[in-house]
C-alpha atoms as a PDB file:
ATOM      1  CA  MET A   1     -66.126   6.026   3.866  1.00  0.00           C
ATOM      2  CA  ALA A   2     -64.119   8.103   6.325  1.00  0.00           C
ATOM      3  CA  VAL A   3     -64.291   7.402  10.050  1.00  0.00           C
ATOM      4  CA  ILE A   4     -64.236  10.198  12.620  1.00  0.00           C
ATOM      5  CA  THR A   5     -63.223   9.432  16.203  1.00  0.00           C
ATOM      6  CA  VAL A   6     -63.914  11.756  19.115  1.00  0.00           C
ATOM      7  CA  SER A   7     -61.895  11.919  22.329  1.00  0.00           C
ATOM      8  CA  ARG A   8     -63.330  14.358  24.834  1.00  0.00           C
ATOM      9  CA  GLU A   9     -63.153  15.777  28.301  1.00  0.00           C
ATOM     10  CA  MET A  10     -66.474  16.008  30.126  1.00  0.00           C
ATOM     11  CA  GLY A  11     -68.122  19.395  29.796  1.00  0.00           C
ATOM     12  CA  THR A  12     -66.481  20.443  26.528  1.00  0.00           C
ATOM     13  CA  GLY A  13     -69.688  20.322  24.489  1.00  0.00           C
ATOM     14  CA  ALA A  14     -68.150  17.642  22.274  1.00  0.00           C
ATOM     15  CA  TYR A  15     -71.352  15.605  22.090  1.00  0.00           C
ATOM     16  CA  GLN A  16     -73.340  18.458  20.524  1.00  0.00           C
ATOM     17  CA  ILE A  17     -70.577  19.022  17.971  1.00  0.00           C
ATOM     18  CA  ALA A  18     -70.300  15.299  17.165  1.00  0.00           C
ATOM     19  CA  THR A  19     -74.073  15.126  16.702  1.00  0.00           C
ATOM     20  CA  GLU A  20     -74.021  18.131  14.376  1.00  0.00           C
ATOM     21  CA  ILE A  21     -71.144  16.705  12.331  1.00  0.00           C
ATOM     22  CA  ALA A  22     -72.960  13.385  11.909  1.00  0.00           C
ATOM     23  CA  LYS A  23     -76.110  15.221  10.849  1.00  0.00           C
ATOM     24  CA  LYS A  24     -74.377  17.462   8.293  1.00  0.00           C
ATOM     25  CA  LEU A  25     -72.271  14.661   6.807  1.00  0.00           C
ATOM     26  CA  LYS A  26     -75.113  12.117   7.021  1.00  0.00           C
ATOM     27  CA  TYR A  27     -72.845   9.847   9.063  1.00  0.00           C
ATOM     28  CA  THR A  28     -73.935   7.403  11.754  1.00  0.00           C
ATOM     29  CA  LEU A  29     -73.101   8.505  15.291  1.00  0.00           C
ATOM     30  CA  ILE A  30     -71.809   5.611  17.393  1.00  0.00           C
ATOM     31  CA  ASP A  31     -72.474   6.722  20.972  1.00  0.00           C
ATOM     32  CA  GLY A  32     -73.732   5.124  24.153  1.00  0.00           C
ATOM     33  CA  GLN A  33     -77.318   5.150  22.937  1.00  0.00           C
ATOM     34  CA  ARG A  34     -76.502   3.421  19.637  1.00  0.00           C
ATOM     35  CA  ILE A  35     -74.350   0.807  21.386  1.00  0.00           C
ATOM     36  CA  SER A  36     -77.195   0.140  23.860  1.00  0.00           C
ATOM     37  CA  GLN A  37     -79.603  -0.375  20.957  1.00  0.00           C
ATOM     38  CA  LEU A  38     -77.312  -2.996  19.389  1.00  0.00           C
ATOM     39  CA  ALA A  39     -75.997  -4.615  22.581  1.00  0.00           C
ATOM     40  CA  SER A  40     -78.498  -7.477  22.726  1.00  0.00           C
ATOM     41  CA  GLN A  41     -77.457  -8.612  19.223  1.00  0.00           C
ATOM     42  CA  TYR A  42     -73.971  -9.186  20.641  1.00  0.00           C
ATOM     43  CA  GLY A  43     -75.135 -10.973  23.772  1.00  0.00           C
ATOM     44  CA  LEU A  44     -74.777  -7.964  26.079  1.00  0.00           C
ATOM     45  CA  SER A  45     -77.331  -7.250  28.800  1.00  0.00           C
ATOM     46  CA  PRO A  46     -77.892  -3.608  29.856  1.00  0.00           C
ATOM     47  CA  GLU A  47     -76.348  -4.404  33.260  1.00  0.00           C
ATOM     48  CA  LEU A  48     -73.192  -5.917  31.793  1.00  0.00           C
ATOM     49  CA  LEU A  49     -72.849  -3.080  29.306  1.00  0.00           C
ATOM     50  CA  GLN A  50     -72.999  -0.581  32.156  1.00  0.00           C
ATOM     51  CA  LEU A  51     -70.237  -2.465  33.984  1.00  0.00           C
ATOM     52  CA  VAL A  52     -67.747  -2.484  31.111  1.00  0.00           C
ATOM     53  CA  ASP A  53     -68.408   0.551  28.912  1.00  0.00           C
ATOM     54  CA  GLU A  54     -65.249   2.719  28.923  1.00  0.00           C
ATOM     55  CA  LYS A  55     -63.874   0.910  31.967  1.00  0.00           C
ATOM     56  CA  PRO A  56     -60.546  -0.985  31.959  1.00  0.00           C
ATOM     57  CA  PRO A  57     -60.875  -4.779  32.223  1.00  0.00           C
ATOM     58  CA  ALA A  58     -59.063  -7.245  34.468  1.00  0.00           C
ATOM     59  CA  TYR A  59     -58.336 -10.877  33.659  1.00  0.00           C
ATOM     60  CA  ILE A  60     -57.754 -12.568  37.015  1.00  0.00           C
ATOM     61  CA  THR A  61     -61.035 -14.295  37.898  1.00  0.00           C
ATOM     62  CA  ALA A  62     -63.704 -15.912  35.739  1.00  0.00           C
ATOM     63  CA  GLU A  63     -65.935 -12.893  36.391  1.00  0.00           C
ATOM     64  CA  ASP A  64     -63.130 -10.570  35.288  1.00  0.00           C
ATOM     65  CA  ARG A  65     -62.757 -12.525  32.056  1.00  0.00           C
ATOM     66  CA  LYS A  66     -66.506 -12.329  31.504  1.00  0.00           C
ATOM     67  CA  ARG A  67     -66.298  -8.543  31.754  1.00  0.00           C
ATOM     68  CA  ALA A  68     -63.291  -8.427  29.429  1.00  0.00           C
ATOM     69  CA  ALA A  69     -65.244 -10.495  26.893  1.00  0.00           C
ATOM     70  CA  ALA A  70     -68.166  -8.091  27.236  1.00  0.00           C
ATOM     71  CA  LEU A  71     -65.853  -5.169  26.485  1.00  0.00           C
ATOM     72  CA  ASN A  72     -64.729  -7.050  23.374  1.00  0.00           C
ATOM     73  CA  SER A  73     -68.388  -7.253  22.361  1.00  0.00           C
ATOM     74  CA  VAL A  74     -68.737  -3.468  22.727  1.00  0.00           C
ATOM     75  CA  GLU A  75     -65.698  -3.088  20.499  1.00  0.00           C
ATOM     76  CA  LEU A  76     -67.143  -5.497  17.938  1.00  0.00           C
ATOM     77  CA  ILE A  77     -70.242  -3.305  17.707  1.00  0.00           C
ATOM     78  CA  ILE A  78     -68.008  -0.316  16.968  1.00  0.00           C
ATOM     79  CA  LEU A  79     -65.772  -2.202  14.533  1.00  0.00           C
ATOM     80  CA  ASP A  80     -68.670  -3.729  12.595  1.00  0.00           C
ATOM     81  CA  MET A  81     -70.090  -0.245  12.046  1.00  0.00           C
ATOM     82  CA  ALA A  82     -66.675   1.299  11.312  1.00  0.00           C
ATOM     83  CA  ARG A  83     -66.083  -1.306   8.606  1.00  0.00           C
ATOM     84  CA  LYS A  84     -68.981   0.230   6.660  1.00  0.00           C
ATOM     85  CA  GLY A  85     -67.497   3.720   7.003  1.00  0.00           C
ATOM     86  CA  ASN A  86     -69.214   7.102   7.311  1.00  0.00           C
ATOM     87  CA  VAL A  87     -69.396   7.003  11.090  1.00  0.00           C
ATOM     88  CA  VAL A  88     -68.558   9.242  14.036  1.00  0.00           C
ATOM     89  CA  ILE A  89     -67.253   7.164  16.958  1.00  0.00           C
ATOM     90  CA  TYR A  90     -67.864   9.012  20.196  1.00  0.00           C
ATOM     91  CA  GLY A  91     -65.256   8.029  22.797  1.00  0.00           C
ATOM     92  CA  ARG A  92     -64.586   4.393  23.757  1.00  0.00           C
ATOM     93  CA  GLY A  93     -61.030   4.383  22.400  1.00  0.00           C
ATOM     94  CA  GLY A  94     -62.265   4.451  18.807  1.00  0.00           C
ATOM     95  CA  GLN A  95     -59.014   5.752  17.405  1.00  0.00           C
ATOM     96  CA  ASP A  96     -57.046   3.044  19.218  1.00  0.00           C
ATOM     97  CA  LEU A  97     -59.324   0.285  17.954  1.00  0.00           C
ATOM     98  CA  LEU A  98     -58.632   1.572  14.442  1.00  0.00           C
ATOM     99  CA  LYS A  99     -54.920   2.154  14.965  1.00  0.00           C
ATOM    100  CA  GLY A 100     -53.113   1.962  11.648  1.00  0.00           C
ATOM    101  CA  CYS A 101     -56.213   2.711   9.560  1.00  0.00           C
ATOM    102  CA  LYS A 102     -55.494   5.634   7.259  1.00  0.00           C
ATOM    103  CA  ASN A 103     -59.108   6.685   6.679  1.00  0.00           C
ATOM    104  CA  VAL A 104     -59.605   7.836  10.288  1.00  0.00           C
ATOM    105  CA  LEU A 105     -59.804  11.492  11.333  1.00  0.00           C
ATOM    106  CA  ARG A 106     -58.861  11.590  15.023  1.00  0.00           C
ATOM    107  CA  LEU A 107     -60.316  14.475  17.031  1.00  0.00           C
ATOM    108  CA  ARG A 108     -59.753  15.682  20.598  1.00  0.00           C
ATOM    109  CA  PHE A 109     -61.909  18.195  22.515  1.00  0.00           C
ATOM    110  CA  ILE A 110     -60.627  20.120  25.515  1.00  0.00           C
ATOM    111  CA  ALA A 111     -61.697  23.218  27.472  1.00  0.00           C
ATOM    112  CA  ASP A 112     -60.735  25.215  30.565  1.00  0.00           C
ATOM    113  CA  PHE A 113     -61.592  23.213  33.680  1.00  0.00           C
ATOM    114  CA  GLU A 114     -63.789  25.850  35.364  1.00  0.00           C
ATOM    115  CA  GLU A 115     -65.658  26.458  32.142  1.00  0.00           C
ATOM    116  CA  ARG A 116     -66.332  22.740  31.875  1.00  0.00           C
ATOM    117  CA  VAL A 117     -67.614  22.794  35.452  1.00  0.00           C
ATOM    118  CA  GLU A 118     -69.938  25.702  34.687  1.00  0.00           C
ATOM    119  CA  ARG A 119     -71.325  24.048  31.555  1.00  0.00           C
ATOM    120  CA  PHE A 120     -71.869  20.696  33.232  1.00  0.00           C
ATOM    121  CA  ALA A 121     -73.453  22.183  36.367  1.00  0.00           C
ATOM    122  CA  GLU A 122     -75.825  24.236  34.240  1.00  0.00           C
ATOM    123  CA  ARG A 123     -76.723  21.343  31.971  1.00  0.00           C
ATOM    124  CA  GLU A 124     -77.358  18.887  34.819  1.00  0.00           C
ATOM    125  CA  TRP A 125     -78.786  21.433  37.302  1.00  0.00           C
ATOM    126  CA  ILE A 126     -76.294  20.465  39.990  1.00  0.00           C
ATOM    127  CA  ASP A 127     -74.070  22.256  42.486  1.00  0.00           C
ATOM    128  CA  PRO A 128     -70.684  23.411  41.018  1.00  0.00           C
ATOM    129  CA  ASP A 129     -68.752  21.518  43.692  1.00  0.00           C
ATOM    130  CA  MET A 130     -70.517  18.310  42.707  1.00  0.00           C
ATOM    131  CA  ALA A 131     -69.828  19.088  39.051  1.00  0.00           C
ATOM    132  CA  ARG A 132     -66.106  19.518  39.820  1.00  0.00           C
ATOM    133  CA  SER A 133     -66.028  16.146  41.579  1.00  0.00           C
ATOM    134  CA  LEU A 134     -67.857  14.358  38.760  1.00  0.00           C
ATOM    135  CA  ILE A 135     -65.665  15.892  36.060  1.00  0.00           C
ATOM    136  CA  ARG A 136     -62.458  14.963  37.872  1.00  0.00           C
ATOM    137  CA  ARG A 137     -63.769  11.424  38.315  1.00  0.00           C
ATOM    138  CA  SER A 138     -64.770  11.221  34.652  1.00  0.00           C
ATOM    139  CA  ASP A 139     -61.376  12.481  33.455  1.00  0.00           C
ATOM    140  CA  HIS A 140     -59.607  10.007  35.723  1.00  0.00           C
ATOM    141  CA  GLN A 141     -61.751   7.073  34.586  1.00  0.00           C
ATOM    142  CA  ARG A 142     -61.555   7.827  30.867  1.00  0.00           C
ATOM    143  CA  GLY A 143     -57.863   8.647  30.966  1.00  0.00           C
ATOM    144  CA  GLY A 144     -57.243   5.499  33.025  1.00  0.00           C
ATOM    145  CA  PHE A 145     -59.204   3.393  30.549  1.00  0.00           C
ATOM    146  CA  ILE A 146     -57.081   4.620  27.631  1.00  0.00           C
ATOM    147  CA  HIS A 147     -53.824   4.268  29.579  1.00  0.00           C
ATOM    148  CA  PHE A 148     -54.572   0.788  30.932  1.00  0.00           C
ATOM    149  CA  TYR A 149     -56.234  -0.720  27.875  1.00  0.00           C
ATOM    150  CA  PHE A 150     -54.399   1.026  25.019  1.00  0.00           C
ATOM    151  CA  ASP A 151     -51.183   2.086  26.777  1.00  0.00           C
ATOM    152  CA  ARG A 152     -51.164   5.743  25.803  1.00  0.00           C
ATOM    153  CA  ASP A 153     -51.704   9.160  27.368  1.00  0.00           C
ATOM    154  CA  TRP A 154     -55.054  10.487  26.137  1.00  0.00           C
ATOM    155  CA  ARG A 155     -53.825  14.074  26.695  1.00  0.00           C
ATOM    156  CA  ASP A 156     -50.898  13.778  24.252  1.00  0.00           C
ATOM    157  CA  PRO A 157     -51.785  15.986  21.235  1.00  0.00           C
ATOM    158  CA  ASN A 158     -49.538  13.924  18.963  1.00  0.00           C
ATOM    159  CA  ASN A 159     -52.164  11.174  19.073  1.00  0.00           C
ATOM    160  CA  TYR A 160     -54.713  13.336  17.264  1.00  0.00           C
ATOM    161  CA  ASP A 161     -55.116  14.969  13.873  1.00  0.00           C
ATOM    162  CA  MET A 162     -57.015  17.963  15.285  1.00  0.00           C
ATOM    163  CA  VAL A 163     -57.378  19.277  18.854  1.00  0.00           C
ATOM    164  CA  PHE A 164     -60.125  21.814  19.579  1.00  0.00           C
ATOM    165  CA  ASN A 165     -60.386  24.048  22.629  1.00  0.00           C
ATOM    166  CA  THR A 166     -64.088  24.789  22.983  1.00  0.00           C
ATOM    167  CA  SER A 167     -63.277  27.610  25.402  1.00  0.00           C
ATOM    168  CA  ARG A 168     -61.707  29.461  22.450  1.00  0.00           C
ATOM    169  CA  LEU A 169     -63.689  28.385  19.407  1.00  0.00           C
ATOM    170  CA  SER A 170     -67.418  28.222  18.754  1.00  0.00           C
ATOM    171  CA  GLY A 171     -69.141  24.971  17.900  1.00  0.00           C
ATOM    172  CA  ALA A 172     -70.020  26.315  14.447  1.00  0.00           C
ATOM    173  CA  THR A 173     -66.386  27.132  13.639  1.00  0.00           C
ATOM    174  CA  ILE A 174     -65.180  23.748  14.886  1.00  0.00           C
ATOM    175  CA  THR A 175     -67.850  21.943  12.867  1.00  0.00           C
ATOM    176  CA  GLU A 176     -66.813  23.764   9.679  1.00  0.00           C
ATOM    177  CA  CYS A 177     -63.159  22.837  10.260  1.00  0.00           C
ATOM    178  CA  ILE A 178     -63.987  19.164  10.737  1.00  0.00           C
ATOM    179  CA  ILE A 179     -66.257  18.953   7.698  1.00  0.00           C
ATOM    180  CA  ALA A 180     -63.488  20.516   5.585  1.00  0.00           C
ATOM    181  CA  ALA A 181     -60.922  18.064   6.979  1.00  0.00           C
ATOM    182  CA  VAL A 182     -63.087  15.031   6.158  1.00  0.00           C
ATOM    183  CA  LYS A 183     -62.778  15.956   2.465  1.00  0.00           C
ATOM    184  CA  GLU A 184     -59.017  15.331   2.631  1.00  0.00           C
ATOM    185  CA  PRO A 185     -58.291  13.037  -0.374  1.00  0.00           C
ATOM    186  CA  SER A 186     -55.891  10.810   1.589  1.00  0.00           C
ATOM    187  CA  LEU A 187     -58.750   9.674   3.860  1.00  0.00           C
ATOM    188  CA  LYS A 188     -60.772   8.393   0.914  1.00  0.00           C
ATOM    189  CA  ASP A 189     -57.739   6.861  -0.803  1.00  0.00           C
ATOM    190  CA  ALA A 190     -57.126   4.661   2.249  1.00  0.00           C
ATOM    191  CA  ASP A 191     -60.584   3.038   2.266  1.00  0.00           C
ATOM    192  CA  LYS A 192     -59.714  -0.380   0.818  1.00  0.00           C
ATOM    193  CA  SER A 193     -56.664  -1.061   2.979  1.00  0.00           C
ATOM    194  CA  SER A 194     -58.526   0.168   6.059  1.00  0.00           C
ATOM    195  CA  VAL A 195     -61.450  -2.205   5.528  1.00  0.00           C
ATOM    196  CA  ALA A 196     -59.066  -5.165   5.349  1.00  0.00           C
ATOM    197  CA  MET A 197     -57.318  -3.991   8.524  1.00  0.00           C
ATOM    198  CA  ILE A 198     -60.619  -3.582  10.382  1.00  0.00           C
ATOM    199  CA  GLU A 199     -61.691  -7.075   9.342  1.00  0.00           C
ATOM    200  CA  SER A 200     -58.463  -8.468  10.820  1.00  0.00           C
ATOM    201  CA  VAL A 201     -59.078  -6.610  14.092  1.00  0.00           C
ATOM    202  CA  ILE A 202     -62.631  -7.996  14.191  1.00  0.00           C
ATOM    203  CA  MET A 203     -61.263 -11.525  13.848  1.00  0.00           C
ATOM    204  CA  VAL A 204     -58.766 -10.929  16.660  1.00  0.00           C
ATOM    205  CA  LYS A 205     -61.583  -9.685  18.908  1.00  0.00           C
ATOM    206  CA  LYS A 206     -63.711 -12.742  18.089  1.00  0.00           C
ATOM    207  CA  ILE A 207     -60.800 -15.053  18.903  1.00  0.00           C
ATOM    208  CA  GLU A 208     -60.091 -13.200  22.173  1.00  0.00           C
ATOM    209  CA  THR A 209     -63.761 -13.461  23.118  1.00  0.00           C
ATOM    210  CA  ALA A 210     -63.865 -17.201  22.390  1.00  0.00           C
ATOM    211  CA  LEU A 211     -60.842 -17.728  24.652  1.00  0.00           C
ATOM    212  CA  LEU A 212     -62.141 -15.484  27.433  1.00  0.00           C
ATOM    213  CA  THR A 213     -65.562 -17.127  27.549  1.00  0.00           C
ATOM    214  CA  SER A 214     -64.446 -20.757  27.281  1.00  0.00           C
ATOM    215  CA  PRO A 215     -65.285 -22.792  30.419  1.00  0.00           C
ATOM    216  CA  VAL A 216     -62.467 -25.188  29.498  1.00  0.00           C
ATOM    217  CA  LEU A 217     -59.668 -22.662  30.095  1.00  0.00           C
ATOM    218  CA  GLU A 218     -59.443 -22.421  33.862  1.00  0.00           C
ATOM    219  CA  ASP A 219     -56.689 -19.840  34.228  1.00  0.00           C
ATOM    220  CA  TYR A 220     -56.440 -18.076  30.879  1.00  0.00           C
ATOM    221  CA  ARG A 221     -54.382 -14.892  30.576  1.00  0.00           C
ATOM    222  CA  PRO A 222     -54.585 -12.893  27.339  1.00  0.00           C
ATOM    223  CA  PHE A 223     -52.398 -14.126  24.491  1.00  0.00           C
ATOM    224  CA  SER A 224     -50.840 -11.908  21.889  1.00  0.00           C
ATOM    225  CA  ILE A 225     -52.942 -12.587  18.791  1.00  0.00           C
ATOM    226  CA  THR A 226     -52.480 -11.615  15.153  1.00  0.00           C
ATOM    227  CA  PHE A 227     -54.659 -12.559  12.194  1.00  0.00           C
ATOM    228  CA  ASP A 228     -53.673 -12.461   8.527  1.00  0.00           C
ATOM    229  CA  LYS A 229     -55.669 -14.034   5.714  1.00  0.00           C
ATOM    230  CA  GLY A 230     -57.059 -16.817   7.865  1.00  0.00           C
ATOM    231  CA  VAL A 231     -53.827 -17.575   9.721  1.00  0.00           C
ATOM    232  CA  VAL A 232     -53.733 -16.900  13.472  1.00  0.00           C
ATOM    233  CA  SER A 233     -50.490 -16.463  15.408  1.00  0.00           C
ATOM    234  CA  LEU A 234     -50.627 -16.918  19.169  1.00  0.00           C
ATOM    235  CA  GLY A 235     -48.081 -16.073  21.842  1.00  0.00           C
ATOM    236  CA  GLY A 236     -48.148 -16.124  25.621  1.00  0.00           C
ATOM    237  CA  TYR A 237     -48.196 -18.413  28.630  1.00  0.00           C
ATOM    238  CA  ILE A 238     -50.529 -21.082  29.985  1.00  0.00           C
ATOM    239  CA  THR A 239     -50.401 -23.530  32.904  1.00  0.00           C
ATOM    240  CA  SER A 240     -50.378 -26.936  31.180  1.00  0.00           C
ATOM    241  CA  ASP A 241     -50.019 -28.648  27.837  1.00  0.00           C
ATOM    242  CA  ALA A 242     -53.651 -29.787  28.063  1.00  0.00           C
ATOM    243  CA  GLN A 243     -54.762 -26.176  28.493  1.00  0.00           C
ATOM    244  CA  LYS A 244     -52.522 -25.164  25.584  1.00  0.00           C
ATOM    245  CA  GLN A 245     -54.077 -27.735  23.257  1.00  0.00           C
ATOM    246  CA  ALA A 246     -57.551 -26.727  24.419  1.00  0.00           C
ATOM    247  CA  ALA A 247     -56.795 -23.083  23.636  1.00  0.00           C
ATOM    248  CA  ILE A 248     -55.509 -23.925  20.160  1.00  0.00           C
ATOM    249  CA  GLY A 249     -58.638 -26.014  19.537  1.00  0.00           C
ATOM    250  CA  ILE A 250     -60.860 -23.098  20.565  1.00  0.00           C
ATOM    251  CA  VAL A 251     -59.056 -20.770  18.173  1.00  0.00           C
ATOM    252  CA  ARG A 252     -59.322 -23.260  15.304  1.00  0.00           C
ATOM    253  CA  SER A 253     -63.079 -23.475  15.864  1.00  0.00           C
ATOM    254  CA  VAL A 254     -63.618 -19.740  15.238  1.00  0.00           C
ATOM    255  CA  LYS A 255     -65.205 -19.222  11.839  1.00  0.00           C
ATOM    256  CA  GLY A 256     -62.719 -17.693   9.407  1.00  0.00           C
ATOM    257  CA  VAL A 257     -59.628 -19.323  10.955  1.00  0.00           C
ATOM    258  CA  THR A 258     -57.808 -21.644   8.548  1.00  0.00           C
ATOM    259  CA  ALA A 259     -54.537 -22.257  10.412  1.00  0.00           C
ATOM    260  CA  VAL A 260     -52.933 -21.594  13.808  1.00  0.00           C
ATOM    261  CA  ASN A 261     -49.272 -20.890  14.522  1.00  0.00           C
ATOM    262  CA  ASP A 262     -48.469 -20.903  18.209  1.00  0.00           C
ATOM    263  CA  ASP A 263     -45.638 -19.737  20.411  1.00  0.00           C
ATOM    264  CA  ILE A 264     -47.475 -20.493  23.667  1.00  0.00           C
ATOM    265  CA  GLN A 265     -45.186 -21.414  26.550  1.00  0.00           C
ATOM    266  CA  VAL A 266     -46.340 -23.823  29.261  1.00  0.00           C
ATOM    267  CA  VAL A 267     -45.430 -22.351  32.648  1.00  0.00           C
ATOM    268  CA  ASN A 268     -46.982 -23.564  35.875  1.00  0.00           C
ATOM    269  CA  TYR A 269     -46.995 -20.134  37.491  1.00  0.00           C
ATOM    270  CA  LYS A 270     -49.593 -21.387  39.994  1.00  0.00           C
ATOM    271  CA  ALA A 271     -46.872 -23.557  41.577  1.00  0.00           C
ATOM    272  CA  TYR A 272     -44.566 -20.550  41.862  1.00  0.00           C
ATOM    273  CA  LYS A 273     -47.355 -18.483  43.365  1.00  0.00           C
ATOM    274  CA  ASP A 274     -48.047 -21.140  46.032  1.00  0.00           C
ATOM    275  CA  LYS A 275     -44.395 -21.025  47.135  1.00  0.00           C
ATOM    276  CA  LEU A 276     -44.415 -17.267  47.742  1.00  0.00           C
END
């Protein structure tokens, strides 16, 4: 029930390798196409999915919170499939969603910049200068998403189990290395504890989504949320005691929640803002 996560720079050929790995291992590939197929089951329209997929959320306006909730829904698709195991998660911060899970093999694909440009220009039949611009934009967006949303540098090799330079190694060699690594006994031994951890993360995402989408909470900012065996712990700030009680009531209404411990502070930061 191992899980493979793929972090990639555009133009590295990572998608072809991920597809081949999934095929050889008989794993499910969780990519943009698969997420699109499942999106409607999670209340996501194609337009909203396009707006939030691999893009950092904001939480200021009601529309921002709607987008943040939609990103949670994308993550729930990934987590629901990861809970079953035997999946390859292509991008979308998969390794960060599963942080702490011991059955995850975390991969990173890199390549020389000009080689990435050449590959992408050839694949898309576009001018090399346009390819350079699109690749730089893609790297900036994906790196920014990971930095903003998960607070880490996606280029740091210490965040990965294996880093492959596709300018140096063939796809066949890389595929063989990954398939051998998946057989590592420690990945299989961690299955039970990882499932329980994923289920807790799923509950946190459901609670976050309920708070983000509630019309009752007028000025909600994300709480710190933990979930353990039915008990939810909340921390953070909110503008009034009425809003605090409303938030706690929303959390209690989420299926699977049996108790709520809160450390929510009431701070009327709107009043401070008006004085500035």
